[in-house]
Amino acid sequence: MISEFKTVVMDAPDIAALSRFYQEFAGWTEAYADDEWITMTTEDGWRIALQAAPDHQAPTWPDPTRPQQAHLDLRVPDIDAAADRAVALGATLLRRNESWHTLADPAGHPFDVCRADVPRTTVMGVMLDCPDARALAGFYSELTGKPVTYDADGAAMIGEDGAQPILFQQVEGYNPPRWPDPGHPQQFHLDMTVDDIEIAEKAVLALGATRLDGGGDRFRVYADPAGKPFCLTWGE
């Protein structure tokens, strides 16, 4: 284990509006907010952050030329009622299925509402698109210490169900982000916490990550083997 998985971060042009959507739709709570960043928490233990991106280009799922890069899977007691409520709050219905519906939130990020025996909306997991699900699951398993708990043709998961798992789906013709190029946006990224950034950096580079330009006093930016940015943070 190199780091601890901490936060799922979504880019958006209007983070205040997106925060209101998820507060009203999913019951998330704002823990911190300024003009550039909002941190939200869920009753089931997730931290979801919204990062201001004024030049954000929304995905056009399922168009592979403007891919989603990642999405959230939400458990709900009634997928039809959840979809109707989300649309009333500003989401767009993209596709109906028997056991889940796909929508786009007001920033254009797709998310799934999945039928489950739950009393309220909860986060099932964050799903990353990638060219090789098994390989990327192995990378993040080493990075976070979460074990591989599912490994099938084109799909994988690390972490136990109910303990903030990360899921991976293999996408034909995968089109990676080119951060910080706004023409090829990251859409999502994951934040990990570390105790010693120098030791952690050596370890993630040995795993196949790439150091990217950018960063700050308490974070550095990297790309995973699929080209998706992630951050190592420390000292909070």
Protein backbone atom coordinates (compact mmCIF):
# COMPACT_ATOMS: atom_id res chain seq x y z
CA MET A 1 0.00 0.00 0.00
CA ILE A 2 1.48 3.30 -1.17
CA SER A 3 -1.44 5.61 -0.43
CA GLU A 4 -4.96 5.78 0.95
CA PHE A 5 -7.84 6.45 -1.43
CA LYS A 6 -9.47 9.67 -0.26
CA THR A 7 -11.61 11.58 -2.77
CA VAL A 8 -13.37 11.31 -6.13
CA VAL A 9 -13.07 14.68 -7.90
CA MET A 10 -15.32 15.88 -10.75
CA ASP A 11 -14.61 18.88 -12.96
CA ALA A 12 -17.47 21.29 -13.65
CA PRO A 13 -17.98 24.84 -14.91
CA ASP A 14 -20.43 25.70 -12.10
CA ILE A 15 -19.54 23.77 -8.97
CA ALA A 16 -22.12 25.53 -6.80
CA ALA A 17 -24.92 24.43 -9.12
CA LEU A 18 -23.59 20.87 -9.29
CA SER A 19 -23.33 20.76 -5.51
CA ARG A 20 -26.97 21.79 -5.19
CA PHE A 21 -27.97 19.04 -7.61
CA TYR A 22 -26.25 16.29 -5.64
CA GLN A 23 -27.42 17.68 -2.30
CA GLU A 24 -31.03 17.58 -3.47
CA PHE A 25 -30.84 14.37 -5.48
CA ALA A 26 -28.51 12.17 -3.42
CA GLY A 27 -28.54 13.84 0.00
CA TRP A 28 -24.82 14.67 0.00
CA THR A 29 -23.54 17.30 2.43
CA GLU A 30 -21.14 20.16 1.77
CA ALA A 31 -18.14 19.89 4.10
CA TYR A 32 -16.11 22.71 2.51
CA ALA A 33 -16.76 25.24 -0.24
CA ASP A 34 -14.98 28.10 -1.97
CA ASP A 35 -15.06 29.42 -5.53
CA GLU A 36 -12.63 26.79 -6.84
CA TRP A 37 -13.41 23.66 -4.83
CA ILE A 38 -16.27 22.02 -2.97
CA THR A 39 -15.90 18.91 -0.82
CA MET A 40 -19.02 16.84 -0.23
CA THR A 41 -19.57 13.84 2.01
CA THR A 42 -22.10 11.04 1.78
CA GLU A 43 -23.85 9.15 4.54
CA ASP A 44 -22.10 5.97 3.39
CA GLY A 45 -18.60 7.39 3.83
CA TRP A 46 -17.55 8.74 0.42
CA ARG A 47 -15.81 12.07 -0.18
CA ILE A 48 -16.79 13.62 -3.52
CA ALA A 49 -15.18 16.90 -4.55
CA LEU A 50 -16.14 19.34 -7.29
CA GLN A 51 -13.34 21.29 -8.97
CA ALA A 52 -14.00 24.47 -10.93
CA ALA A 53 -13.15 24.12 -14.63
CA PRO A 54 -14.43 27.22 -16.46
CA ASP A 55 -13.47 25.79 -19.88
CA HIS A 56 -14.94 22.36 -19.12
CA GLN A 57 -16.08 20.37 -22.14
CA ALA A 58 -18.78 17.96 -21.11
CA PRO A 59 -18.66 14.34 -22.27
CA THR A 60 -21.13 13.28 -24.93
CA TRP A 61 -21.73 9.68 -23.84
CA PRO A 62 -21.53 7.25 -25.55
CA ASP A 63 -19.55 9.16 -28.21
CA PRO A 64 -15.93 7.91 -27.87
CA THR A 65 -14.50 11.17 -29.22
CA ARG A 66 -15.69 13.00 -26.05
CA PRO A 67 -15.61 10.21 -23.47
CA GLN A 68 -16.89 10.23 -19.91
CA GLN A 69 -13.55 8.83 -18.58
CA ALA A 70 -15.34 7.72 -15.39
CA HIS A 71 -18.77 7.65 -13.82
CA LEU A 72 -20.50 7.06 -10.50
CA ASP A 73 -22.83 4.13 -9.86
CA LEU A 74 -25.55 5.02 -7.35
CA ARG A 75 -27.84 2.55 -5.59
CA VAL A 76 -31.47 3.61 -5.33
CA PRO A 77 -34.66 1.85 -4.17
CA ASP A 78 -36.62 2.75 -7.34
CA ILE A 79 -34.75 3.48 -10.57
CA ASP A 80 -37.74 5.03 -12.35
CA ALA A 81 -38.56 7.40 -9.50
CA ALA A 82 -34.87 8.28 -9.11
CA ALA A 83 -34.50 9.04 -12.81
CA ASP A 84 -37.62 11.21 -12.80
CA ARG A 85 -36.41 13.12 -9.74
CA ALA A 86 -32.96 13.64 -11.25
CA VAL A 87 -34.45 14.98 -14.49
CA ALA A 88 -36.66 17.38 -12.52
CA LEU A 89 -33.50 18.68 -10.83
CA GLY A 90 -31.67 19.30 -14.12
CA ALA A 91 -30.24 15.93 -15.19
CA THR A 92 -30.70 14.43 -18.65
CA LEU A 93 -31.93 10.88 -19.18
CA LEU A 94 -29.54 9.09 -21.56
CA ARG A 95 -30.69 5.46 -21.52
CA ARG A 96 -33.15 3.21 -19.70
CA ASN A 97 -32.27 -0.39 -18.85
CA GLU A 98 -34.04 -3.10 -16.88
CA SER A 99 -32.02 -2.78 -13.68
CA TRP A 100 -30.33 0.61 -14.10
CA HIS A 101 -30.80 3.90 -15.92
CA THR A 102 -28.04 6.16 -17.22
CA LEU A 103 -28.33 9.93 -16.85
CA ALA A 104 -26.07 12.96 -17.18
CA ASP A 105 -25.85 15.43 -14.30
CA PRO A 106 -26.10 19.19 -15.00
CA ALA A 107 -22.35 19.31 -15.80
CA GLY A 108 -22.78 16.52 -18.35
CA HIS A 109 -21.17 13.72 -16.33
CA PRO A 110 -22.96 10.40 -16.85
CA PHE A 111 -24.03 8.44 -13.79
CA ASP A 112 -26.05 5.27 -13.29
CA VAL A 113 -28.93 4.74 -10.87
CA CYS A 114 -29.00 1.03 -10.05
CA ARG A 115 -31.85 -0.91 -8.49
CA ALA A 116 -31.00 -2.12 -4.98
CA ASP A 117 -32.64 -2.99 -1.70
CA VAL A 118 -31.68 0.26 0.02
CA PRO A 119 -33.81 2.86 1.82
CA ARG A 120 -32.06 5.85 0.22
CA THR A 121 -29.51 6.78 -2.44
CA THR A 122 -26.00 5.46 -1.75
CA VAL A 123 -22.77 5.33 -3.76
CA MET A 124 -21.99 1.85 -5.05
CA GLY A 125 -18.65 2.81 -6.61
CA VAL A 126 -16.68 4.91 -9.04
CA MET A 127 -16.08 3.26 -12.43
CA LEU A 128 -13.01 4.15 -14.54
CA ASP A 129 -12.94 3.62 -18.30
CA CYS A 130 -9.69 2.07 -19.52
CA PRO A 131 -8.09 0.00 -22.29
CA ASP A 132 -7.23 -2.93 -19.97
CA ALA A 133 -9.39 -3.41 -16.89
CA ARG A 134 -7.23 -6.11 -15.31
CA ALA A 135 -4.01 -4.13 -15.70
CA LEU A 136 -5.44 -0.89 -14.32
CA ALA A 137 -7.08 -2.71 -11.41
CA GLY A 138 -3.69 -4.17 -10.58
CA PHE A 139 -2.10 -0.72 -10.63
CA TYR A 140 -4.68 0.81 -8.28
CA SER A 141 -4.65 -2.25 -6.03
CA GLU A 142 -0.93 -1.72 -5.46
CA LEU A 143 -1.43 2.02 -5.10
CA THR A 144 -4.25 1.86 -2.52
CA GLY A 145 -3.85 -1.52 -0.88
CA LYS A 146 -7.41 -2.46 -1.88
CA PRO A 147 -7.52 -6.12 -2.99
CA VAL A 148 -8.82 -7.17 -6.39
CA THR A 149 -12.28 -8.52 -5.54
CA TYR A 150 -13.65 -9.03 -9.06
CA ASP A 151 -11.84 -9.90 -12.27
CA ALA A 152 -13.75 -10.87 -15.39
CA ASP A 153 -13.48 -10.33 -19.12
CA GLY A 154 -13.35 -6.56 -19.59
CA ALA A 155 -14.25 -5.61 -16.01
CA ALA A 156 -12.60 -5.57 -12.58
CA MET A 157 -13.06 -4.17 -9.10
CA ILE A 158 -10.79 -3.44 -6.15
CA GLY A 159 -12.05 -3.12 -2.60
CA GLU A 160 -14.99 -4.73 -0.88
CA ASP A 161 -18.57 -3.84 -1.68
CA GLY A 162 -19.60 -1.11 0.76
CA ALA A 163 -16.01 0.00 1.41
CA GLN A 164 -15.51 2.59 -1.37
CA PRO A 165 -14.59 0.19 -4.17
CA ILE A 166 -13.07 1.35 -7.47
CA LEU A 167 -14.35 -0.38 -10.59
CA PHE A 168 -12.84 -0.64 -14.07
CA GLN A 169 -14.52 -1.18 -17.42
CA GLN A 170 -12.63 -1.94 -20.59
CA VAL A 171 -13.55 0.39 -23.45
CA GLU A 172 -12.86 -0.37 -27.10
CA GLY A 173 -11.14 2.56 -28.78
CA TYR A 174 -10.31 4.12 -25.42
CA ASN A 175 -9.45 7.82 -25.74
CA PRO A 176 -7.33 8.99 -22.77
CA PRO A 177 -7.33 12.48 -21.28
CA ARG A 178 -4.44 14.80 -22.13
CA TRP A 179 -4.37 16.89 -18.99
CA PRO A 180 -4.25 19.89 -18.83
CA ASP A 181 -5.45 20.18 -22.47
CA PRO A 182 -9.11 21.32 -22.19
CA GLY A 183 -9.79 19.70 -25.55
CA HIS A 184 -9.16 16.28 -23.97
CA PRO A 185 -10.41 16.78 -20.41
CA GLN A 186 -9.86 14.49 -17.45
CA GLN A 187 -13.52 14.87 -16.31
CA PHE A 188 -12.74 12.95 -13.08
CA HIS A 189 -9.65 12.28 -11.03
CA LEU A 190 -8.88 10.49 -7.77
CA ASP A 191 -7.01 11.97 -4.81
CA MET A 192 -4.84 9.74 -2.61
CA THR A 193 -3.17 10.65 0.68
CA VAL A 194 0.40 9.71 1.56
CA ASP A 195 2.66 10.16 4.57
CA ASP A 196 5.93 10.78 2.70
CA ILE A 197 5.59 12.19 -0.82
CA GLU A 198 9.15 11.41 -1.88
CA ILE A 199 8.85 7.74 -0.96
CA ALA A 200 5.37 7.55 -2.48
CA GLU A 201 6.47 9.19 -5.72
CA LYS A 202 9.28 6.69 -6.25
CA ALA A 203 6.83 3.86 -5.66
CA VAL A 204 4.12 5.10 -8.05
CA LEU A 205 6.65 5.80 -10.80
CA ALA A 206 7.97 2.25 -10.38
CA LEU A 207 4.40 0.98 -10.81
CA GLY A 208 4.07 2.74 -14.17
CA ALA A 209 2.71 6.18 -13.31
CA THR A 210 4.02 9.35 -14.96
CA ARG A 211 4.68 12.64 -13.18
CA LEU A 212 2.74 15.50 -14.77
CA ASP A 213 3.32 19.23 -14.63
CA GLY A 214 1.36 21.08 -12.00
CA GLY A 215 0.85 20.57 -8.31
CA GLY A 216 1.02 22.67 -5.19
CA ASP A 217 2.37 22.86 -1.68
CA ARG A 218 0.53 19.71 -0.62
CA PHE A 219 -0.17 17.76 -3.80
CA ARG A 220 1.49 16.43 -6.94
CA VAL A 221 -0.14 15.30 -10.16
CA TYR A 222 0.51 12.01 -11.96
CA ALA A 223 -1.01 9.97 -14.77
CA ASP A 224 -1.82 6.31 -14.30
CA PRO A 225 -0.89 3.75 -17.01
CA ALA A 226 -4.17 4.54 -18.83
CA GLY A 227 -3.33 8.26 -18.91
CA LYS A 228 -5.81 9.32 -16.24
CA PRO A 229 -4.54 12.01 -13.86
CA PHE A 230 -4.54 11.36 -10.13
CA CYS A 231 -3.10 13.32 -7.22
CA LEU A 232 -0.98 12.36 -4.25
CA THR A 233 -1.72 14.68 -1.34
CA TRP A 234 -0.13 15.06 2.06
CA GLY A 235 -0.03 17.22 5.17
CA GLU A 236 -3.75 17.85 5.55
